[in-house]
Amino acid sequence: MQLQVKGKNVAVTDALFSHAERKLGKIARYLPPWDELTQVELELSVERNRSIDRSQTAEVTVWTKGPILRARESAPDMYAAIDLAAHKLERQVGRYRKRQRNHRHRHEALFVPEELPVLPEEPEETEDSSVIRIVKSKSFEMKPMTAEDAVMRMDLLHHDFYVFRNAESGALNVVYRRRDGDYGLIAPDG
């Protein structure tokens, strides 16, 4: 496991690093043998606001050959924040393993609506409207996968949507969580 620890408004001491290495090292044994751990990134940050009780935050991103796992936890103490984030990741890996076992036994297709709803057009912006700012940009490799796999990865990341390359058609698709708890799929025509 390759661990990278970054600090934002906090110095990363040897004690913090060894504590993180000990806690996050356990995750590798919970992963399935085919999903070896490639890299773990831990970002520690401290919020400099006295009114915030849980000002110490640990955000962990785990890259595997399979899904990317992410957890963010805050606590009054940095060691506790690392412990909470590691525990959250262990639960995510458990869910991932359970879904992998269930996925092998069942090959159900994801419901694809026949007709997608038409969204209303947005009004044109006037000169008075605020400027749109993109504050974060991400890029990632898009391996072909089924819609079920995309839903599983979306749930592991705790996101509301997931963009993926469909293994059957080769086209870019989006799965998303609907308000009623079900899932939807957006696919291009043709």
Protein backbone atom coordinates (compact mmCIF):
# COMPACT_ATOMS: atom_id res chain seq x y z
CA MET A 1 0.00 0.00 0.00
CA GLN A 2 1.31 3.43 -0.96
CA LEU A 3 0.13 6.02 1.60
CA GLN A 4 0.33 9.74 0.92
CA VAL A 5 -0.59 12.12 3.75
CA LYS A 6 -1.22 15.83 3.12
CA GLY A 7 -1.86 18.51 5.70
CA LYS A 8 -3.97 21.66 5.29
CA ASN A 9 -3.54 24.07 8.23
CA VAL A 10 -1.89 21.21 10.14
CA ALA A 11 1.62 19.78 10.30
CA VAL A 12 1.81 16.07 9.53
CA THR A 13 3.91 14.64 12.35
CA ASP A 14 5.54 11.21 12.38
CA ALA A 15 3.05 10.13 15.05
CA LEU A 16 0.07 11.15 12.87
CA PHE A 17 1.59 9.41 9.86
CA SER A 18 2.24 6.15 11.72
CA HIS A 19 -1.26 6.22 13.26
CA ALA A 20 -2.79 6.71 9.80
CA GLU A 21 -0.61 3.97 8.33
CA ARG A 22 -1.65 1.53 11.07
CA LYS A 23 -5.39 2.31 10.79
CA LEU A 24 -5.60 2.50 6.99
CA GLY A 25 -3.34 -0.52 6.49
CA LYS A 26 -6.17 -2.74 7.76
CA ILE A 27 -8.30 -1.87 4.73
CA ALA A 28 -6.03 -3.87 2.40
CA ARG A 29 -6.91 -7.13 4.14
CA TYR A 30 -10.65 -6.53 3.77
CA LEU A 31 -10.47 -6.02 0.01
CA PRO A 32 -11.16 -8.99 -2.27
CA PRO A 33 -7.95 -10.62 -3.58
CA TRP A 34 -8.60 -9.46 -7.16
CA ASP A 35 -8.90 -5.80 -6.06
CA GLU A 36 -5.45 -5.01 -4.81
CA LEU A 37 -4.86 -1.65 -3.18
CA THR A 38 -2.83 0.69 -5.36
CA GLN A 39 -2.78 4.01 -3.52
CA VAL A 40 -4.24 5.67 -0.42
CA GLU A 41 -4.36 9.44 -0.03
CA LEU A 42 -5.18 11.03 3.32
CA GLU A 43 -5.82 14.77 3.57
CA LEU A 44 -5.85 16.18 7.09
CA SER A 45 -7.27 19.64 7.69
CA VAL A 46 -8.12 21.90 10.60
CA GLU A 47 -10.90 24.48 10.46
CA ARG A 48 -9.78 27.65 12.24
CA ASN A 49 -13.21 28.58 13.58
CA ARG A 50 -13.87 28.39 17.33
CA SER A 51 -17.59 27.80 16.86
CA ILE A 52 -16.96 24.47 15.12
CA ASP A 53 -16.70 21.62 17.65
CA ARG A 54 -15.45 19.02 15.20
CA SER A 55 -12.78 21.12 13.51
CA GLN A 56 -10.29 18.30 12.73
CA THR A 57 -11.10 16.56 9.42
CA ALA A 58 -9.64 13.46 7.77
CA GLU A 59 -10.55 12.76 4.12
CA VAL A 60 -9.35 9.44 2.71
CA THR A 61 -9.38 8.37 -0.94
CA VAL A 62 -8.49 4.75 -1.74
CA TRP A 63 -7.65 3.71 -5.30
CA THR A 64 -8.01 0.02 -6.08
CA LYS A 65 -8.07 -1.92 -9.33
CA GLY A 66 -11.84 -1.85 -8.90
CA PRO A 67 -13.73 1.11 -7.41
CA ILE A 68 -12.43 4.27 -5.82
CA LEU A 69 -13.46 4.48 -2.16
CA ARG A 70 -13.76 7.76 -0.29
CA ALA A 71 -14.54 8.74 3.30
CA ARG A 72 -14.56 12.09 5.10
CA GLU A 73 -14.96 12.40 8.86
CA SER A 74 -14.56 15.20 11.39
CA ALA A 75 -13.86 15.04 15.11
CA PRO A 76 -12.51 17.27 17.89
CA ASP A 77 -9.23 15.29 17.73
CA MET A 78 -7.23 14.39 14.55
CA TYR A 79 -6.57 10.82 15.71
CA ALA A 80 -10.31 10.30 16.26
CA ALA A 81 -11.07 11.72 12.80
CA ILE A 82 -8.62 9.24 11.24
CA ASP A 83 -10.19 6.38 13.23
CA LEU A 84 -13.71 7.35 12.14
CA ALA A 85 -12.70 7.64 8.46
CA ALA A 86 -10.93 4.25 8.58
CA HIS A 87 -14.00 2.65 10.17
CA LYS A 88 -16.25 4.18 7.49
CA LEU A 89 -13.98 2.79 4.75
CA GLU A 90 -14.07 -0.68 6.34
CA ARG A 91 -17.89 -0.61 6.15
CA GLN A 92 -17.72 0.50 2.50
CA VAL A 93 -15.38 -2.36 1.64
CA GLY A 94 -17.76 -4.77 3.39
CA ARG A 95 -20.68 -3.51 1.30
CA TYR A 96 -18.55 -3.75 -1.84
CA ARG A 97 -17.61 -7.38 -1.11
CA LYS A 98 -21.23 -8.28 -0.37
CA ARG A 99 -22.41 -6.73 -3.63
CA GLN A 100 -19.66 -8.50 -5.58
CA ARG A 101 -20.84 -11.86 -4.15
CA ASN A 102 -24.49 -11.07 -4.92
CA HIS A 103 -23.61 -9.78 -8.40
CA ARG A 104 -22.04 -13.10 -9.37
CA HIS A 105 -25.22 -14.99 -8.45
CA ARG A 106 -27.67 -12.69 -10.14
CA HIS A 107 -27.55 -11.00 -13.53
CA GLU A 108 -30.57 -8.71 -13.59
CA ALA A 109 -30.70 -5.79 -16.00
CA LEU A 110 -31.14 -2.30 -14.66
CA PHE A 111 -34.51 -0.75 -15.52
CA VAL A 112 -34.14 1.60 -18.48
CA PRO A 113 -37.05 4.01 -19.00
CA GLU A 114 -38.42 4.03 -22.54
CA GLU A 115 -38.63 7.79 -22.69
CA LEU A 116 -36.53 10.22 -20.68
CA PRO A 117 -38.26 13.30 -19.29
CA VAL A 118 -37.69 16.57 -21.13
CA LEU A 119 -36.12 19.16 -18.86
CA PRO A 120 -37.35 22.75 -19.16
CA GLU A 121 -34.96 25.12 -20.87
CA GLU A 122 -33.03 27.43 -18.62
CA PRO A 123 -33.64 31.14 -19.12
CA GLU A 124 -30.90 33.02 -20.92
CA GLU A 125 -28.43 34.74 -18.64
CA THR A 126 -28.42 38.48 -18.50
CA GLU A 127 -25.42 40.68 -17.97
CA ASP A 128 -26.44 41.13 -14.31
CA SER A 129 -26.26 37.42 -13.49
CA SER A 130 -23.27 36.12 -11.59
CA VAL A 131 -20.33 34.49 -13.28
CA ILE A 132 -20.23 30.69 -13.17
CA ARG A 133 -17.13 29.44 -11.39
CA ILE A 134 -15.77 25.92 -11.68
CA VAL A 135 -14.02 25.33 -8.36
CA LYS A 136 -12.97 21.70 -8.75
CA SER A 137 -12.10 19.53 -11.72
CA LYS A 138 -11.66 15.75 -11.78
CA SER A 139 -10.46 13.34 -14.41
CA PHE A 140 -10.46 9.57 -14.26
CA GLU A 141 -10.07 6.52 -16.42
CA MET A 142 -13.35 5.21 -17.83
CA LYS A 143 -13.25 1.44 -18.04
CA PRO A 144 -16.22 -0.21 -19.78
CA MET A 145 -18.74 -1.61 -17.28
CA THR A 146 -22.37 -2.60 -16.96
CA ALA A 147 -25.04 -0.31 -15.55
CA GLU A 148 -25.21 -2.49 -12.40
CA ASP A 149 -21.48 -2.04 -11.81
CA ALA A 150 -21.86 1.72 -12.27
CA VAL A 151 -24.69 1.83 -9.69
CA MET A 152 -22.54 -0.15 -7.25
CA ARG A 153 -19.60 2.25 -7.66
CA MET A 154 -21.90 5.27 -7.37
CA ASP A 155 -23.22 3.92 -4.04
CA LEU A 156 -19.70 3.24 -2.77
CA LEU A 157 -18.73 6.85 -3.48
CA HIS A 158 -21.99 8.17 -1.95
CA HIS A 159 -22.68 10.23 -5.08
CA ASP A 160 -26.04 10.94 -6.71
CA PHE A 161 -24.83 10.16 -10.23
CA TYR A 162 -22.04 8.28 -11.99
CA VAL A 163 -20.71 8.69 -15.54
CA PHE A 164 -19.41 5.50 -17.18
CA ARG A 165 -18.66 3.86 -20.53
CA ASN A 166 -21.27 1.19 -21.25
CA ALA A 167 -19.63 -2.20 -21.93
CA GLU A 168 -22.39 -3.22 -24.37
CA SER A 169 -22.67 -0.08 -26.52
CA GLY A 170 -19.34 1.66 -25.84
CA ALA A 171 -21.22 4.96 -25.36
CA LEU A 172 -20.98 7.28 -22.35
CA ASN A 173 -23.92 6.75 -19.99
CA VAL A 174 -25.03 8.19 -16.65
CA VAL A 175 -26.74 6.38 -13.81
CA TYR A 176 -28.41 8.46 -11.13
CA ARG A 177 -30.35 8.06 -7.90
CA ARG A 178 -33.98 9.12 -8.14
CA ARG A 179 -35.85 10.80 -5.30
CA ASP A 180 -37.99 7.68 -4.80
CA GLY A 181 -34.84 5.62 -4.08
CA ASP A 182 -34.71 3.81 -7.41
CA TYR A 183 -32.08 4.35 -10.11
CA GLY A 184 -32.25 5.80 -13.61
CA LEU A 185 -30.04 5.48 -16.66
CA ILE A 186 -29.33 8.19 -19.22
CA ALA A 187 -28.03 6.92 -22.55
CA PRO A 188 -27.56 8.68 -25.91
CA ASP A 189 -29.77 7.86 -28.91
CA GLY A 190 -28.28 5.81 -31.73
